[in-house]
Amino acid sequence: MTVQVLNPDGIFKPDSYFQASISTGTRVVCLSGQVALDESGHLVGHGNLAKQSEQVYRNVFHALEAIGATFADVAKLTVYVPNWSPDKMEHVVSGAVQAAQDLGFDPRRPITLIGVSSLSTPDLLIEVEAMAVLP
């Protein structure tokens, strides 16, 4: 395994993500920000953050799969949500969990969530980029 995730002693240990990762591979893979577009380029979940989150995590999963990686290889996720407010967290998480349950992966990785004023178009409610390490 190229990426070990952990919650170190001395800091908060959340259930929904890890605080750190240690990577020992030789190839770093960076995925561009994934948005809630299906394979045909159509928006999934118009106006629904949970559905868009689910599609985004599906896209990350499939992009990783295409390069021979899995979520276990992800060292870091960065999530961007426009007009962030704490009440949006449950929708972001529920979408990720649904995709993970359907596709059989653990979405918990070291993660940073950043509230932004907007994404590339107003209909996009979430964007996720990933960094993975492969042997």
Foldseek 3Di string as FASTA:
>chain_A
DFKDFAADPPDDQDPQAGAFIHGDFDDKDKFDWFWQAPPVRDHFDFVQLLRGLLSRLLVVQVVQVVVPHGLRQWAEKEKEFEPDDPVCVVSNSNSNVVNCVVVPDRNHHNYHYHYDNDDPDNRTGMIMMTMGGDD
